Amino acid sequence: MAEKSGAASRLHAAFHEAIGRMETVVDQETALLRENRAVELTEYNHRKQQGLLEINRILRNFGPFDTQRVERESVRRLVRKLESNRQILAHHLKAMDEISSLVSRAMQEAESDGTYGRGGA
């Protein structure tokens, strides 16, 4: 019985550590986005995917009563941070879409005014 309890404790510790690592990654990305600094989104996306995979692997080893003992506040905190991260990513994607539209429109207007046409320059 003590062995089972020790395994459950290690599992809960691993879960808590994985949640902490995931929070760190999300916090780093969100801070960079808020500061409008260059962010390698592919790298952060990969790190978040790895974190979620790790959390899922740990959860698969939980028994029905183990999940009841999980510190729910750490999970709620991670969910809040992920939502904040999602919102700021959506804001940046919208801004990128608007810039892309402006550039596209400017190129179309430049083509249509004859500047780059066969008869131009």
N, C-alpha and C. Protein backbone atom coordinates (compact mmCIF):
# COMPACT_ATOMS: atom_id res chain seq x y z
N MET A 1 0.82 -1.19 0.00
CA MET A 1 0.00 0.00 0.00
C MET A 1 0.86 1.26 0.00
N ALA A 2 1.94 1.23 0.81
CA ALA A 2 2.82 2.39 0.87
C ALA A 2 3.49 2.62 -0.48
N GLU A 3 3.79 1.52 -1.19
CA GLU A 3 4.40 1.63 -2.52
C GLU A 3 3.45 2.33 -3.49
N LYS A 4 2.18 1.95 -3.42
CA LYS A 4 1.17 2.57 -4.29
C LYS A 4 1.01 4.05 -3.95
N SER A 5 1.04 4.36 -2.67
CA SER A 5 0.92 5.75 -2.24
C SER A 5 2.13 6.56 -2.71
N GLY A 6 3.33 5.95 -2.65
CA GLY A 6 4.53 6.63 -3.12
C GLY A 6 4.49 6.88 -4.61
N ALA A 7 3.98 5.91 -5.37
CA ALA A 7 3.86 6.08 -6.81
C ALA A 7 2.87 7.19 -7.14
N ALA A 8 1.77 7.23 -6.39
CA ALA A 8 0.77 8.28 -6.61
C ALA A 8 1.36 9.65 -6.29
N SER A 9 2.16 9.72 -5.23
CA SER A 9 2.80 10.99 -4.87
C SER A 9 3.77 11.45 -5.95
N ARG A 10 4.54 10.50 -6.49
CA ARG A 10 5.48 10.85 -7.57
C ARG A 10 4.73 11.30 -8.82
N LEU A 11 3.61 10.65 -9.08
CA LEU A 11 2.79 11.01 -10.23
C LEU A 11 2.22 12.42 -10.08
N HIS A 12 1.74 12.73 -8.89
CA HIS A 12 1.21 14.07 -8.63
C HIS A 12 2.32 15.12 -8.71
N ALA A 13 3.51 14.77 -8.22
CA ALA A 13 4.64 15.70 -8.31
C ALA A 13 5.02 15.94 -9.77
N ALA A 14 5.05 14.88 -10.56
CA ALA A 14 5.37 15.01 -11.99
C ALA A 14 4.32 15.87 -12.70
N PHE A 15 3.07 15.68 -12.35
CA PHE A 15 1.98 16.48 -12.94
C PHE A 15 2.17 17.94 -12.60
N HIS A 16 2.43 18.22 -11.33
CA HIS A 16 2.62 19.61 -10.88
C HIS A 16 3.81 20.25 -11.59
N GLU A 17 4.90 19.51 -11.74
CA GLU A 17 6.08 20.04 -12.43
C GLU A 17 5.80 20.30 -13.91
N ALA A 18 5.05 19.40 -14.54
CA ALA A 18 4.70 19.58 -15.96
C ALA A 18 3.82 20.81 -16.14
N ILE A 19 2.88 21.01 -15.23
CA ILE A 19 2.03 22.21 -15.29
C ILE A 19 2.90 23.45 -15.15
N GLY A 20 3.85 23.41 -14.22
CA GLY A 20 4.75 24.55 -14.01
C GLY A 20 5.59 24.86 -15.24
N ARG A 21 6.11 23.83 -15.88
CA ARG A 21 6.90 24.04 -17.11
C ARG A 21 6.04 24.65 -18.21
N MET A 22 4.81 24.15 -18.32
CA MET A 22 3.91 24.67 -19.34
C MET A 22 3.58 26.14 -19.07
N GLU A 23 3.35 26.47 -17.82
CA GLU A 23 3.08 27.87 -17.47
C GLU A 23 4.26 28.76 -17.84
N THR A 24 5.47 28.29 -17.62
CA THR A 24 6.66 29.07 -17.94
C THR A 24 6.73 29.36 -19.43
N VAL A 25 6.49 28.36 -20.25
CA VAL A 25 6.52 28.53 -21.71
C VAL A 25 5.46 29.55 -22.14
N VAL A 26 4.24 29.38 -21.63
CA VAL A 26 3.14 30.28 -22.01
C VAL A 26 3.43 31.70 -21.53
N ASP A 27 3.95 31.83 -20.31
CA ASP A 27 4.30 33.16 -19.78
C ASP A 27 5.36 33.84 -20.64
N GLN A 28 6.38 33.08 -21.05
CA GLN A 28 7.45 33.66 -21.88
C GLN A 28 6.90 34.16 -23.21
N GLU A 29 6.12 33.32 -23.87
CA GLU A 29 5.57 33.71 -25.18
C GLU A 29 4.65 34.92 -25.04
N THR A 30 3.78 34.88 -24.05
CA THR A 30 2.82 35.98 -23.85
C THR A 30 3.56 37.28 -23.56
N ALA A 31 4.60 37.23 -22.73
CA ALA A 31 5.36 38.45 -22.42
C ALA A 31 6.01 39.03 -23.67
N LEU A 32 6.61 38.18 -24.49
CA LEU A 32 7.24 38.67 -25.72
C LEU A 32 6.20 39.28 -26.66
N LEU A 33 5.05 38.66 -26.77
CA LEU A 33 4.00 39.19 -27.64
C LEU A 33 3.49 40.53 -27.11
N ARG A 34 3.33 40.64 -25.81
CA ARG A 34 2.85 41.92 -25.22
C ARG A 34 3.85 43.03 -25.44
N GLU A 35 5.13 42.70 -25.46
CA GLU A 35 6.18 43.69 -25.67
C GLU A 35 6.41 43.97 -27.15
N ASN A 36 5.62 43.32 -28.02
CA ASN A 36 5.76 43.45 -29.47
C ASN A 36 7.16 43.10 -29.94
N ARG A 37 7.76 42.12 -29.28
CA ARG A 37 9.08 41.65 -29.69
C ARG A 37 8.92 40.49 -30.65
N ALA A 38 9.97 40.26 -31.42
CA ALA A 38 9.94 39.15 -32.37
C ALA A 38 9.84 37.83 -31.61
N VAL A 39 8.93 36.99 -32.06
CA VAL A 39 8.70 35.72 -31.40
C VAL A 39 8.75 34.62 -32.45
N GLU A 40 9.52 33.58 -32.16
CA GLU A 40 9.57 32.42 -33.04
C GLU A 40 8.37 31.54 -32.66
N LEU A 41 7.24 31.80 -33.32
CA LEU A 41 5.99 31.12 -32.98
C LEU A 41 6.10 29.61 -33.14
N THR A 42 6.84 29.16 -34.13
CA THR A 42 7.00 27.72 -34.35
C THR A 42 7.64 27.06 -33.15
N GLU A 43 8.65 27.69 -32.59
CA GLU A 43 9.34 27.13 -31.42
C GLU A 43 8.39 27.07 -30.22
N TYR A 44 7.68 28.15 -29.98
CA TYR A 44 6.76 28.16 -28.83
C TYR A 44 5.61 27.18 -29.04
N ASN A 45 5.13 27.09 -30.26
CA ASN A 45 4.07 26.13 -30.55
C ASN A 45 4.55 24.71 -30.26
N HIS A 46 5.76 24.40 -30.68
CA HIS A 46 6.34 23.08 -30.43
C HIS A 46 6.48 22.82 -28.93
N ARG A 47 6.96 23.82 -28.20
CA ARG A 47 7.15 23.65 -26.76
C ARG A 47 5.81 23.46 -26.05
N LYS A 48 4.79 24.18 -26.49
CA LYS A 48 3.46 24.01 -25.88
C LYS A 48 2.89 22.63 -26.22
N GLN A 49 3.07 22.18 -27.45
CA GLN A 49 2.61 20.85 -27.82
C GLN A 49 3.30 19.78 -26.98
N GLN A 50 4.60 19.92 -26.80
CA GLN A 50 5.35 18.96 -25.98
C GLN A 50 4.85 18.97 -24.54
N GLY A 51 4.57 20.15 -24.01
CA GLY A 51 4.06 20.26 -22.65
C GLY A 51 2.70 19.59 -22.49
N LEU A 52 1.82 19.81 -23.46
CA LEU A 52 0.51 19.17 -23.40
C LEU A 52 0.62 17.65 -23.53
N LEU A 53 1.54 17.20 -24.37
CA LEU A 53 1.77 15.76 -24.52
C LEU A 53 2.25 15.16 -23.20
N GLU A 54 3.17 15.85 -22.56
CA GLU A 54 3.68 15.38 -21.27
C GLU A 54 2.56 15.31 -20.23
N ILE A 55 1.75 16.34 -20.15
CA ILE A 55 0.64 16.36 -19.20
C ILE A 55 -0.33 15.22 -19.49
N ASN A 56 -0.65 15.01 -20.76
CA ASN A 56 -1.56 13.92 -21.13
C ASN A 56 -0.99 12.55 -20.77
N ARG A 57 0.30 12.36 -20.98
CA ARG A 57 0.93 11.08 -20.62
C ARG A 57 0.85 10.82 -19.12
N ILE A 58 1.07 11.85 -18.35
CA ILE A 58 0.97 11.70 -16.89
C ILE A 58 -0.46 11.38 -16.49
N LEU A 59 -1.42 12.11 -17.08
CA LEU A 59 -2.83 11.90 -16.72
C LEU A 59 -3.29 10.48 -17.06
N ARG A 60 -2.74 9.89 -18.11
CA ARG A 60 -3.12 8.51 -18.47
C ARG A 60 -2.77 7.51 -17.37
N ASN A 61 -1.79 7.86 -16.56
CA ASN A 61 -1.37 6.97 -15.48
C ASN A 61 -2.15 7.21 -14.18
N PHE A 62 -2.98 8.23 -14.18
CA PHE A 62 -3.78 8.50 -12.99
C PHE A 62 -4.92 7.50 -12.89
N GLY A 63 -5.19 7.09 -11.68
CA GLY A 63 -6.37 6.27 -11.42
C GLY A 63 -7.55 7.18 -11.18
N PRO A 64 -8.75 6.62 -11.06
CA PRO A 64 -9.95 7.44 -10.87
C PRO A 64 -9.89 8.33 -9.63
N PHE A 65 -9.26 7.84 -8.57
CA PHE A 65 -9.20 8.64 -7.34
C PHE A 65 -8.04 9.63 -7.36
N ASP A 66 -7.03 9.36 -8.19
CA ASP A 66 -5.89 10.27 -8.29
C ASP A 66 -6.30 11.63 -8.83
N THR A 67 -7.19 11.65 -9.81
CA THR A 67 -7.59 12.93 -10.41
C THR A 67 -8.35 13.79 -9.41
N GLN A 68 -8.97 13.18 -8.45
CA GLN A 68 -9.70 13.95 -7.43
C GLN A 68 -8.74 14.67 -6.50
N ARG A 69 -7.51 14.20 -6.42
CA ARG A 69 -6.52 14.81 -5.53
C ARG A 69 -5.66 15.86 -6.22
N VAL A 70 -5.88 16.07 -7.49
CA VAL A 70 -5.09 17.06 -8.24
C VAL A 70 -5.42 18.46 -7.73
N GLU A 71 -4.37 19.25 -7.58
CA GLU A 71 -4.56 20.64 -7.15
C GLU A 71 -5.21 21.40 -8.31
N ARG A 72 -6.47 21.65 -8.19
CA ARG A 72 -7.24 22.24 -9.29
C ARG A 72 -6.86 23.70 -9.57
N GLU A 73 -6.38 24.40 -8.58
CA GLU A 73 -6.02 25.80 -8.79
C GLU A 73 -4.88 25.93 -9.80
N SER A 74 -3.92 25.03 -9.78
CA SER A 74 -2.81 25.11 -10.75
C SER A 74 -3.33 24.86 -12.16
N VAL A 75 -4.31 23.98 -12.30
CA VAL A 75 -4.91 23.72 -13.61
C VAL A 75 -5.70 24.95 -14.07
N ARG A 76 -6.47 25.53 -13.16
CA ARG A 76 -7.24 26.74 -13.51
C ARG A 76 -6.30 27.88 -13.91
N ARG A 77 -5.20 28.03 -13.18
CA ARG A 77 -4.24 29.09 -13.49
C ARG A 77 -3.66 28.88 -14.90
N LEU A 78 -3.31 27.63 -15.23
CA LEU A 78 -2.79 27.34 -16.56
C LEU A 78 -3.84 27.64 -17.62
N VAL A 79 -5.07 27.28 -17.38
CA VAL A 79 -6.15 27.56 -18.34
C VAL A 79 -6.29 29.07 -18.56
N ARG A 80 -6.23 29.85 -17.48
CA ARG A 80 -6.32 31.32 -17.61
C ARG A 80 -5.15 31.86 -18.44
N LYS A 81 -3.97 31.34 -18.19
CA LYS A 81 -2.79 31.80 -18.93
C LYS A 81 -2.88 31.41 -20.40
N LEU A 82 -3.37 30.22 -20.67
CA LEU A 82 -3.55 29.79 -22.06
C LEU A 82 -4.58 30.66 -22.77
N GLU A 83 -5.64 31.03 -22.08
CA GLU A 83 -6.66 31.90 -22.68
C GLU A 83 -6.08 33.28 -22.98
N SER A 84 -5.32 33.82 -22.05
CA SER A 84 -4.67 35.11 -22.28
C SER A 84 -3.71 35.02 -23.47
N ASN A 85 -2.96 33.94 -23.54
CA ASN A 85 -2.04 33.70 -24.64
C ASN A 85 -2.80 33.61 -25.96
N ARG A 86 -3.92 32.90 -25.96
CA ARG A 86 -4.74 32.76 -27.16
C ARG A 86 -5.24 34.12 -27.64
N GLN A 87 -5.68 34.95 -26.70
CA GLN A 87 -6.20 36.26 -27.06
C GLN A 87 -5.13 37.15 -27.67
N ILE A 88 -3.95 37.16 -27.09
CA ILE A 88 -2.90 38.02 -27.63
C ILE A 88 -2.39 37.48 -28.97
N LEU A 89 -2.35 36.15 -29.13
CA LEU A 89 -2.00 35.58 -30.43
C LEU A 89 -3.03 35.96 -31.48
N ALA A 90 -4.31 35.91 -31.12
CA ALA A 90 -5.37 36.29 -32.06
C ALA A 90 -5.23 37.76 -32.46
N HIS A 91 -4.89 38.60 -31.51
CA HIS A 91 -4.69 40.03 -31.79
C HIS A 91 -3.54 40.22 -32.78
N HIS A 92 -2.44 39.52 -32.57
CA HIS A 92 -1.29 39.64 -33.48
C HIS A 92 -1.62 39.07 -34.86
N LEU A 93 -2.34 37.98 -34.91
CA LEU A 93 -2.73 37.41 -36.20
C LEU A 93 -3.65 38.35 -36.97
N LYS A 94 -4.55 39.01 -36.26
CA LYS A 94 -5.43 39.97 -36.90
C LYS A 94 -4.62 41.14 -37.46
N ALA A 95 -3.67 41.61 -36.70
CA ALA A 95 -2.81 42.71 -37.17
C ALA A 95 -2.01 42.29 -38.40
N MET A 96 -1.49 41.07 -38.38
CA MET A 96 -0.74 40.57 -39.54
C MET A 96 -1.65 40.45 -40.76
N ASP A 97 -2.87 40.02 -40.56
CA ASP A 97 -3.83 39.90 -41.66
C ASP A 97 -4.13 41.28 -42.25
N GLU A 98 -4.29 42.28 -41.39
CA GLU A 98 -4.57 43.63 -41.87
C GLU A 98 -3.39 44.19 -42.66
N ILE A 99 -2.18 43.95 -42.18
CA ILE A 99 -0.99 44.42 -42.88
C ILE A 99 -0.88 43.72 -44.24
N SER A 100 -1.13 42.43 -44.26
CA SER A 100 -1.08 41.68 -45.51
C SER A 100 -2.10 42.22 -46.51
N SER A 101 -3.29 42.54 -46.03
CA SER A 101 -4.33 43.11 -46.91
C SER A 101 -3.90 44.45 -47.47
N LEU A 102 -3.30 45.29 -46.63
CA LEU A 102 -2.84 46.61 -47.08
C LEU A 102 -1.75 46.48 -48.15
N VAL A 103 -0.81 45.58 -47.94
CA VAL A 103 0.27 45.38 -48.91
C VAL A 103 -0.30 44.83 -50.22
N SER A 104 -1.21 43.89 -50.10
CA SER A 104 -1.82 43.29 -51.29
C SER A 104 -2.58 44.35 -52.09
N ARG A 105 -3.35 45.16 -51.38
CA ARG A 105 -4.12 46.22 -52.04
C ARG A 105 -3.18 47.23 -52.71
N ALA A 106 -2.11 47.59 -52.04
CA ALA A 106 -1.14 48.54 -52.62
C ALA A 106 -0.51 47.97 -53.88
N MET A 107 -0.21 46.68 -53.87
CA MET A 107 0.39 46.06 -55.05
C MET A 107 -0.61 46.03 -56.20
N GLN A 108 -1.87 45.72 -55.91
CA GLN A 108 -2.90 45.68 -56.95
C GLN A 108 -3.10 47.07 -57.55
N GLU A 109 -3.12 48.10 -56.70
CA GLU A 109 -3.29 49.47 -57.19
C GLU A 109 -2.10 49.89 -58.04
N ALA A 110 -0.90 49.50 -57.63
CA ALA A 110 0.29 49.85 -58.39
C ALA A 110 0.27 49.17 -59.76
N GLU A 111 -0.21 47.95 -59.82
CA GLU A 111 -0.30 47.23 -61.09
C GLU A 111 -1.35 47.86 -62.00
N SER A 112 -2.45 48.29 -61.40
CA SER A 112 -3.55 48.79 -62.21
C SER A 112 -3.33 50.20 -62.72
N ASP A 113 -2.40 50.95 -62.15
CA ASP A 113 -2.19 52.33 -62.63
C ASP A 113 -1.21 52.39 -63.79
N GLY A 114 -0.74 51.26 -64.26
CA GLY A 114 0.13 51.22 -65.43
C GLY A 114 1.59 51.35 -65.10
N THR A 115 1.92 51.57 -63.85
CA THR A 115 3.31 51.76 -63.45
C THR A 115 4.17 50.56 -63.84
N TYR A 116 3.65 49.38 -63.63
CA TYR A 116 4.43 48.19 -63.93
C TYR A 116 3.91 47.44 -65.15
N GLY A 117 3.05 48.05 -65.89
CA GLY A 117 2.48 47.43 -67.06
C GLY A 117 3.44 47.45 -68.23
N ARG A 118 3.01 46.90 -69.36
CA ARG A 118 3.85 46.82 -70.55
C ARG A 118 4.18 48.20 -71.12
N GLY A 119 3.22 49.10 -70.96
CA GLY A 119 3.45 50.43 -71.53
C GLY A 119 4.17 51.37 -70.59
N GLY A 120 4.35 50.99 -69.33
CA GLY A 120 4.98 51.86 -68.33
C GLY A 120 6.48 51.90 -68.50
N ALA A 121 7.12 52.81 -67.84
CA ALA A 121 8.56 53.02 -67.77
C ALA A 121 9.22 52.51 -68.94
